[in-house]
Protein backbone atom coordinates (compact mmCIF):
# COMPACT_ATOMS: atom_id res chain seq x y z
CA MET A 1 16.49 31.83 28.16
CA ALA A 2 18.57 31.03 31.25
CA ASP A 3 17.78 33.08 34.35
CA PHE A 4 21.29 34.16 35.39
CA THR A 5 20.12 35.74 38.66
CA TYR A 6 18.40 32.54 39.79
CA LEU A 7 21.05 30.12 38.56
CA LEU A 8 23.96 32.10 40.03
CA ARG A 9 22.33 32.93 43.36
CA PRO A 10 24.83 31.83 46.05
CA LYS A 11 23.68 29.18 48.49
CA THR A 12 26.25 29.88 51.24
CA PHE A 13 27.91 32.86 52.88
CA ASP A 14 31.28 31.81 51.45
CA ALA A 15 29.88 31.86 47.91
CA MET A 16 28.61 35.43 48.22
CA VAL A 17 30.22 38.20 46.19
CA GLY A 18 30.25 41.44 48.17
CA GLN A 19 28.80 42.36 51.60
CA GLU A 20 31.82 40.95 53.46
CA HIS A 21 30.74 42.85 56.59
CA LEU A 22 27.77 40.47 56.73
CA SER A 23 29.10 37.28 55.11
CA ALA A 24 32.69 36.99 56.40
CA PRO A 25 33.39 34.24 58.99
CA ASP A 26 33.83 36.84 61.75
CA ALA A 27 30.77 38.92 60.78
CA PRO A 28 28.25 39.15 63.66
CA LEU A 29 25.33 38.32 61.37
CA ARG A 30 26.97 35.12 60.15
CA ILE A 31 28.06 34.08 63.65
CA LEU A 32 24.53 34.51 65.05
CA CYS A 33 23.11 32.66 62.06
CA GLU A 34 25.46 29.70 62.38
CA LYS A 35 24.68 29.47 66.10
CA ALA A 36 20.96 29.55 65.22
CA GLU A 37 20.60 32.59 67.45
CA LEU A 38 19.81 35.27 64.87
CA GLY A 39 16.80 37.38 65.84
CA HIS A 40 14.26 39.22 63.73
CA SER A 41 16.19 41.35 61.25
CA PHE A 42 15.74 44.03 58.64
CA PHE A 43 18.07 44.54 55.68
CA TYR A 44 18.19 47.81 53.79
CA GLY A 45 20.31 48.88 50.86
CA PRO A 46 20.24 49.64 47.13
CA PRO A 47 18.63 47.31 44.55
CA GLY A 48 20.63 44.25 43.55
CA SER A 49 22.84 44.30 46.64
CA GLY A 50 21.88 40.83 47.91
CA LYS A 51 19.09 41.32 50.47
CA THR A 52 16.96 38.41 49.28
CA THR A 53 20.03 36.24 48.77
CA ILE A 54 21.14 36.70 52.38
CA ALA A 55 17.64 35.91 53.64
CA ARG A 56 17.65 32.64 51.68
CA ILE A 57 21.12 31.74 52.96
CA ILE A 58 19.96 32.37 56.53
CA ALA A 59 17.02 30.00 55.99
CA ASP A 60 19.38 27.31 54.67
CA VAL A 61 21.97 27.72 57.43
CA MET A 62 19.36 27.77 60.21
CA GLN A 63 17.35 25.03 58.46
CA LEU A 64 14.09 26.97 58.49
CA PRO A 65 11.18 26.72 56.02
CA PHE A 66 11.35 29.82 53.80
CA TYR A 67 8.30 31.92 52.88
CA GLU A 68 8.78 34.96 50.67
CA PHE A 69 6.32 37.85 50.34
CA ASN A 70 6.20 41.41 49.03
CA ALA A 71 4.60 43.96 51.33
CA THR A 72 2.71 45.57 48.43
CA SER A 73 0.68 42.38 47.81
CA LEU A 74 0.85 40.65 51.19
CA LYS A 75 -2.48 39.49 52.62
CA ILE A 76 -2.92 39.07 56.37
CA GLU A 77 -4.70 35.76 55.80
CA GLN A 78 -1.55 34.40 54.12
CA LEU A 79 0.41 35.08 57.29
CA ARG A 80 -2.23 33.64 59.60
CA LYS A 81 -2.37 30.44 57.57
CA ILE A 82 1.40 29.96 58.04
CA PHE A 83 1.21 30.79 61.74
CA GLU A 84 -1.52 28.19 62.18
CA GLN A 85 0.42 25.59 60.18
CA TYR A 86 3.40 25.78 62.56
CA LYS A 87 1.43 26.51 65.73
CA ASN A 88 1.92 23.13 67.42
CA THR A 89 5.23 22.15 65.88
CA LEU A 90 8.79 22.42 67.10
CA GLN A 91 9.89 24.13 63.90
CA ARG A 92 9.47 27.80 63.12
CA PRO A 93 9.30 29.30 59.62
CA LEU A 94 11.31 32.20 58.24
CA ILE A 95 8.95 34.89 56.96
CA PHE A 96 10.76 37.10 54.45
CA ILE A 97 9.00 40.34 53.43
CA ASP A 98 10.43 42.49 50.66
CA GLU A 99 9.54 46.21 50.45
CA VAL A 100 8.98 45.97 54.19
CA HIS A 101 8.73 49.76 54.54
CA ARG A 102 5.36 49.45 52.78
CA LEU A 103 3.82 47.27 55.48
CA ALA A 104 0.55 48.72 56.72
CA LYS A 105 0.12 49.26 60.44
CA ASN A 106 -2.43 46.44 60.74
CA GLN A 107 -0.01 44.07 58.98
CA GLN A 108 2.69 44.99 61.47
CA GLU A 109 0.30 44.39 64.34
CA VAL A 110 -0.39 40.86 63.08
CA LEU A 111 3.34 40.13 63.05
CA LEU A 112 4.02 41.48 66.53
CA PRO A 113 2.67 38.56 68.64
CA VAL A 114 4.63 35.90 66.71
CA MET A 115 7.73 38.06 66.78
CA GLU A 116 7.33 38.45 70.51
CA ASN A 117 7.03 34.71 71.20
CA ASN A 118 9.61 33.84 68.49
CA SER A 119 7.32 31.31 66.83
CA VAL A 120 8.58 32.71 63.50
CA LEU A 121 11.78 34.42 62.37
CA ALA A 122 10.79 37.65 60.61
CA ILE A 123 13.19 39.18 58.10
CA GLY A 124 12.40 42.25 56.06
CA ALA A 125 14.16 43.96 53.16
CA SER A 126 13.92 47.46 51.78
CA THR A 127 15.74 49.94 49.58
CA GLU A 128 14.93 52.50 52.29
CA ASN A 129 15.81 52.53 55.97
CA PRO A 130 12.76 50.68 57.36
CA TYR A 131 13.18 52.20 60.80
CA PHE A 132 11.50 55.33 59.50
CA SER A 133 8.32 53.44 58.60
CA LEU A 134 8.12 50.57 61.10
CA THR A 135 6.39 50.97 64.43
CA ALA A 136 8.46 51.33 67.60
CA ALA A 137 7.25 47.90 68.72
CA MET A 138 8.66 46.29 65.55
CA ARG A 139 11.94 48.19 65.82
CA SER A 140 12.55 47.23 69.44
CA ARG A 141 12.32 43.53 68.58
CA SER A 142 14.66 43.61 65.59
CA LEU A 143 18.21 43.99 64.35
CA LEU A 144 19.05 46.31 61.46
CA PHE A 145 21.70 45.57 58.82
CA GLU A 146 22.76 47.89 56.00
CA LEU A 147 23.92 46.55 52.63
CA LYS A 148 26.17 48.53 50.32
CA SER A 149 26.22 48.81 46.53
CA ILE A 150 28.27 46.01 45.01
CA SER A 151 31.81 47.28 44.42
CA VAL A 152 33.42 47.44 41.00
CA GLN A 153 35.88 44.73 41.99
CA ASP A 154 33.09 42.41 43.12
CA LEU A 155 31.10 43.07 39.94
CA LYS A 156 34.18 42.18 37.90
CA GLN A 157 34.46 38.91 39.81
CA LEU A 158 30.77 38.15 39.31
CA LEU A 159 30.98 38.95 35.59
CA ALA A 160 33.98 36.66 35.17
CA LEU A 161 32.16 33.81 36.94
CA THR A 162 29.07 34.33 34.77
CA CYS A 163 31.01 34.37 31.51
CA LYS A 164 32.80 31.17 32.48
CA GLU A 165 29.63 29.44 33.65
CA PHE A 166 27.67 30.21 30.46
CA SER A 167 30.60 30.25 27.97
CA LEU A 168 30.15 33.89 27.01
CA ASP A 169 32.65 35.98 25.07
CA VAL A 170 32.35 39.65 26.07
CA ASP A 171 34.34 42.48 24.49
CA ASP A 172 36.42 44.58 26.89
CA ASP A 173 34.42 47.79 26.32
CA ALA A 174 31.21 45.79 26.80
CA LYS A 175 32.55 44.49 30.12
CA GLU A 176 33.22 48.06 31.24
CA TYR A 177 29.69 49.09 30.32
CA LEU A 178 28.21 46.12 32.18
CA ILE A 179 30.24 46.84 35.31
CA TYR A 180 30.23 50.63 35.51
CA GLY A 181 26.83 51.15 33.92
CA SER A 182 24.99 49.04 36.48
CA GLY A 183 25.52 51.40 39.38
CA GLY A 184 26.50 48.72 41.89
CA ASP A 185 23.37 46.66 41.09
CA ALA A 186 24.45 43.05 40.51
CA ARG A 187 20.98 41.98 39.38
CA ALA A 188 20.86 44.76 36.78
CA MET A 189 24.23 43.70 35.39
CA LEU A 190 23.22 40.04 35.17
CA LYS A 191 19.85 40.84 33.58
CA LEU A 192 21.44 42.94 30.85
CA LEU A 193 24.00 40.21 30.20
CA GLU A 194 21.25 37.60 30.19
CA PHE A 195 19.23 39.30 27.45
CA ALA A 196 22.34 40.07 25.40
CA SER A 197 23.40 36.41 25.59
CA SER A 198 20.05 35.39 24.11
CA ILE A 199 21.02 37.34 21.00
CA SER A 200 24.58 36.03 20.74
CA SER A 201 27.18 34.37 22.93
CA HIS A 202 29.60 37.03 21.65
CA ILE A 203 28.53 40.24 23.38
CA ASN A 204 29.60 43.68 22.19
CA LEU A 205 28.98 47.23 23.38
CA LYS A 206 26.60 48.04 20.52
CA THR A 207 24.21 45.27 21.56
CA LEU A 208 24.30 46.31 25.21
CA LYS A 209 23.55 49.95 24.40
CA GLN A 210 20.67 48.93 22.16
CA LEU A 211 19.19 47.05 25.11
CA ARG A 212 20.03 49.70 27.74
CA PRO A 213 21.05 53.03 26.15
CA THR A 214 22.22 54.76 29.33
CA ALA A 215 23.72 54.02 32.72
CA LEU A 216 21.20 53.11 35.41
CA ASN A 217 22.08 55.72 38.03
CA ASP A 218 25.41 56.78 39.46
CA GLY A 219 27.33 54.57 37.08
CA SER A 220 28.94 55.31 33.72
CA SER A 221 30.82 53.36 31.10
CA GLU A 222 33.96 54.96 32.49
CA ALA A 223 33.69 55.32 36.25
CA THR A 224 36.63 57.66 36.82
CA VAL A 225 35.52 59.99 34.02
CA HIS A 226 31.98 59.96 35.37
CA TYR A 227 32.98 61.00 38.85
CA ASP A 228 35.48 63.56 37.57
CA LEU A 229 32.83 65.18 35.36
CA ALA A 230 30.25 65.28 38.16
CA SER A 231 32.86 66.72 40.53
CA ALA A 232 33.95 69.32 37.98
CA MET A 233 30.36 70.41 37.39
CA ILE A 234 29.65 70.86 41.08
CA LYS A 235 32.92 72.69 41.73
CA SER A 236 32.27 75.00 38.79
CA VAL A 237 28.84 75.91 40.17
CA ARG A 238 30.37 76.40 43.61
CA GLY A 239 32.95 78.68 42.00
CA SER A 240 30.18 80.66 40.20
CA ASP A 241 31.46 79.77 36.71
CA ALA A 242 28.25 79.06 34.83
CA ASP A 243 29.97 78.45 31.47
CA ALA A 244 32.29 75.78 32.90
CA ALA A 245 29.39 74.17 34.78
CA LEU A 246 27.31 74.01 31.58
CA TYR A 247 30.20 72.45 29.68
CA TYR A 248 30.48 69.62 32.22
CA LEU A 249 26.69 69.29 32.27
CA ALA A 250 26.75 68.81 28.49
CA ARG A 251 29.50 66.19 28.84
CA LEU A 252 27.42 64.28 31.39
CA ILE A 253 24.29 64.47 29.22
CA GLU A 254 26.09 63.33 26.08
CA GLY A 255 27.64 60.50 28.10
CA GLY A 256 24.16 59.20 28.88
CA GLU A 257 24.01 60.33 32.51
CA PRO A 258 20.42 60.11 33.84
CA PRO A 259 18.95 63.56 34.56
CA GLU A 260 17.81 62.40 38.01
CA PHE A 261 21.40 61.80 39.10
CA ILE A 262 22.48 65.29 38.00
CA ALA A 263 19.46 66.93 39.64
CA ARG A 264 20.08 65.17 42.97
CA ARG A 265 23.63 66.54 43.05
CA LEU A 266 22.31 70.05 42.38
CA VAL A 267 19.79 69.81 45.24
CA ILE A 268 22.60 68.91 47.63
CA LEU A 269 24.74 71.77 46.32
CA ALA A 270 21.89 74.26 46.70
CA SER A 271 21.79 73.59 50.43
CA GLU A 272 25.47 72.84 51.10
CA ASP A 273 27.08 75.65 49.10
CA ILE A 274 24.38 78.34 48.79
CA GLY A 275 22.11 77.75 51.75
CA ASN A 276 20.52 80.80 53.32
CA ALA A 277 22.53 83.21 51.20
CA ASN A 278 19.73 82.49 48.70
CA PRO A 279 17.05 80.18 50.18
CA GLN A 280 15.22 80.15 46.84
CA ALA A 281 18.07 78.10 45.36
CA LEU A 282 16.97 74.95 47.23
CA THR A 283 13.37 75.46 46.07
CA LEU A 284 14.41 75.77 42.43
CA ALA A 285 16.79 72.79 42.62
CA THR A 286 14.09 70.63 44.22
CA SER A 287 11.61 71.68 41.52
CA CYS A 288 14.25 70.77 38.95
CA MET A 289 14.63 67.29 40.46
CA THR A 290 10.86 66.74 40.35
CA ALA A 291 10.52 68.08 36.82
CA VAL A 292 13.31 66.05 35.21
CA SER A 293 12.00 62.85 36.83
CA LYS A 294 8.65 63.43 35.08
CA ILE A 295 9.93 64.75 31.76
CA GLY A 296 13.26 63.08 30.94
CA TYR A 297 15.49 63.80 27.98
CA PRO A 298 15.75 65.68 25.71
CA GLU A 299 13.74 68.48 27.38
CA ALA A 300 15.20 67.79 30.85
CA ARG A 301 18.50 69.26 29.64
CA ILE A 302 16.86 72.72 29.47
CA ILE A 303 15.62 72.49 33.06
CA LEU A 304 19.07 71.38 34.23
CA SER A 305 20.67 74.24 32.32
CA GLN A 306 18.35 76.83 33.89
CA THR A 307 19.04 75.45 37.36
CA ILE A 308 22.82 75.41 36.92
CA ILE A 309 22.87 79.01 35.66
CA TYR A 310 20.75 80.12 38.61
CA LEU A 311 22.87 78.27 41.17
CA SER A 312 26.08 79.57 39.62
CA GLY A 313 24.78 83.12 39.84
CA SER A 314 23.66 82.80 43.47
CA PRO A 315 25.69 84.10 46.43
CA LYS A 316 27.44 81.25 48.25
CA SER A 317 27.42 80.26 51.92
CA ASN A 318 28.23 76.93 53.58
CA SER A 319 27.16 78.01 57.06
CA ALA A 320 24.26 75.50 57.21
CA TYR A 321 26.61 72.66 56.23
CA MET A 322 29.22 73.69 58.78
CA ALA A 323 26.63 74.21 61.52
CA ILE A 324 25.11 70.73 61.36
CA ASN A 325 28.61 69.22 61.25
CA GLU A 326 29.52 71.04 64.45
CA ALA A 327 26.25 70.09 66.14
CA GLN A 328 26.62 66.39 65.27
CA ASN A 329 30.23 66.37 66.44
CA ALA A 330 29.10 67.83 69.77
CA ILE A 331 26.58 64.99 70.20
CA LYS A 332 29.15 62.35 69.24
CA ASN A 333 31.55 63.83 71.77
CA GLY A 334 29.05 63.37 74.58
CA GLU A 335 27.38 66.80 74.71
CA ILE A 336 23.98 65.49 75.83
CA LEU A 337 22.02 68.18 77.68
CA GLU A 338 18.79 68.06 79.63
CA ILE A 339 15.91 69.80 77.88
CA PRO A 340 14.87 72.89 79.92
CA LYS A 341 11.53 72.20 81.59
CA THR A 342 9.92 75.33 80.16
CA ILE A 343 10.17 73.99 76.59
CA GLN A 344 9.19 70.40 77.35
CA GLN A 345 5.83 69.25 76.09
CA TRP A 346 2.76 70.62 77.87
CA ASN A 347 4.74 72.83 80.27
CA LYS A 348 2.55 75.74 81.35
CA ASN A 349 5.50 78.08 81.89
CA TYR A 350 6.47 78.08 78.20
CA LYS A 351 6.47 81.57 76.73
CA TYR A 352 4.73 81.59 73.33
CA PRO A 353 6.82 84.06 71.25
CA HIS A 354 3.79 85.24 69.25
CA ASP A 355 2.23 86.54 72.47
CA TYR A 356 5.26 88.82 72.84
CA GLY A 357 5.40 90.31 69.36
CA GLY A 358 7.29 87.42 67.76
CA TRP A 359 10.24 87.05 70.14
CA VAL A 360 10.81 86.75 73.88
CA GLU A 361 13.94 85.97 75.86
CA GLN A 362 13.77 82.35 77.01
CA LYS A 363 16.10 79.49 77.88
CA TYR A 364 16.35 76.84 75.14
CA LEU A 365 19.58 75.09 76.17
CA ASP A 366 20.95 74.18 79.58
CA LYS A 367 24.25 75.81 78.64
CA PRO A 368 25.38 78.08 75.80
CA LEU A 369 26.40 76.27 72.61
CA LYS A 370 27.33 77.93 69.33
CA PHE A 371 27.20 76.10 66.01
CA VAL A 372 25.81 78.65 63.57
CA HIS A 373 28.08 81.32 62.16
CA LEU A 374 26.06 83.36 59.68
CA LYS A 375 27.85 85.31 56.97
CA ASP A 376 27.20 88.77 55.57
CA ILE A 377 26.27 87.28 52.19
CA GLY A 378 22.96 87.70 50.36
CA TYR A 379 19.81 86.98 52.34
CA GLU A 380 21.89 85.36 55.07
CA GLY A 381 23.29 88.78 55.92
CA LYS A 382 19.73 90.00 56.55
CA MET A 383 19.07 87.02 58.82
CA LYS A 384 22.22 87.79 60.78
CA LYS A 385 21.25 91.42 61.31
CA TRP A 386 17.72 90.47 62.35
CA LEU A 387 18.96 88.00 64.97
CA GLU A 388 21.53 90.45 66.26
CA ALA A 389 18.85 93.11 66.57
CA LEU A 390 16.87 90.77 68.82
CA GLY A 391 19.88 90.36 71.06
CA GLU A 392 20.06 86.67 70.14
CA LYS A 393 23.54 85.34 71.00
CA LYS A 394 23.37 81.86 69.46
CA VAL A 395 23.48 82.90 65.79
């Protein structure tokens, strides 16, 4: 069986499908690479978006020996052996580490000296933002590049190239399922096509669904319908119409939508649209997300149904959503204040509220700012009254 992913992996930036912000002639990453001036870098983005491919292209363009590892199985001795091999040479190797967010602290410490003296070029890849897991020393020596899910248009182009290269005949509805059901993951699309082609060079929807019965994540066999259904479900919950929300939930379930995708949207809604009007909503939605990930269909539909009914019947407030938007806009607009000395770390003049019955008047900002506007809805109304009773002005 031909390995489509390996055989179709692009060897140059120009041959890449997608990630134009990194591969285009005027992209900073490509310019630095072609000038052989690219520094240590970390790529993060969804699966199948091209992280490993870009690392390999960088090695080819900069003419560096390429060593590929996965952080989950990487041994320190493997790294030291490579470092020793190139110690007294004029050439430096490219060390590529996938799942880089899983690097242990001692593994990072081994990399630091060679990163500092540039005797190797370190490149990491992750589906998560690695800056949350890497040490400050690693971060300060590196560049960070984000990759996006492969667009529908780019997946169409890649599918057309694959069909031509391997003489495949794919039905139109099968093409739609391959493209929209892969959730922006090029590797997932190619793998499904690869296995289907081993059965027959004429590929139909029935075969694809027998190999992969449902969409991988945010995708669907009909993208516009998928997003419209998800939007309609959320808006129905927001509008407190449980029956309408359940109808759209049923449509999503019958369309093969993974329960995890639905649950994630409900968690966001619980905070964005209900918030402190009913704080328990976020707890229930989060429990729903955990439960459906462990249980799956068909029973997960009951958990989703319970959650949607509860969220629909909860009082609604978007004050938390609006508040963080206002606060972030203030920062972006240059509202950077000094932290009052009394609340800086280890300051002896800090007034511990619990020593004063739970609240004491104290300066927390250098100047008054107001982002939070609580509403008289549900539990949030109680919070508002409690803060007002304390004489707190920044509610």
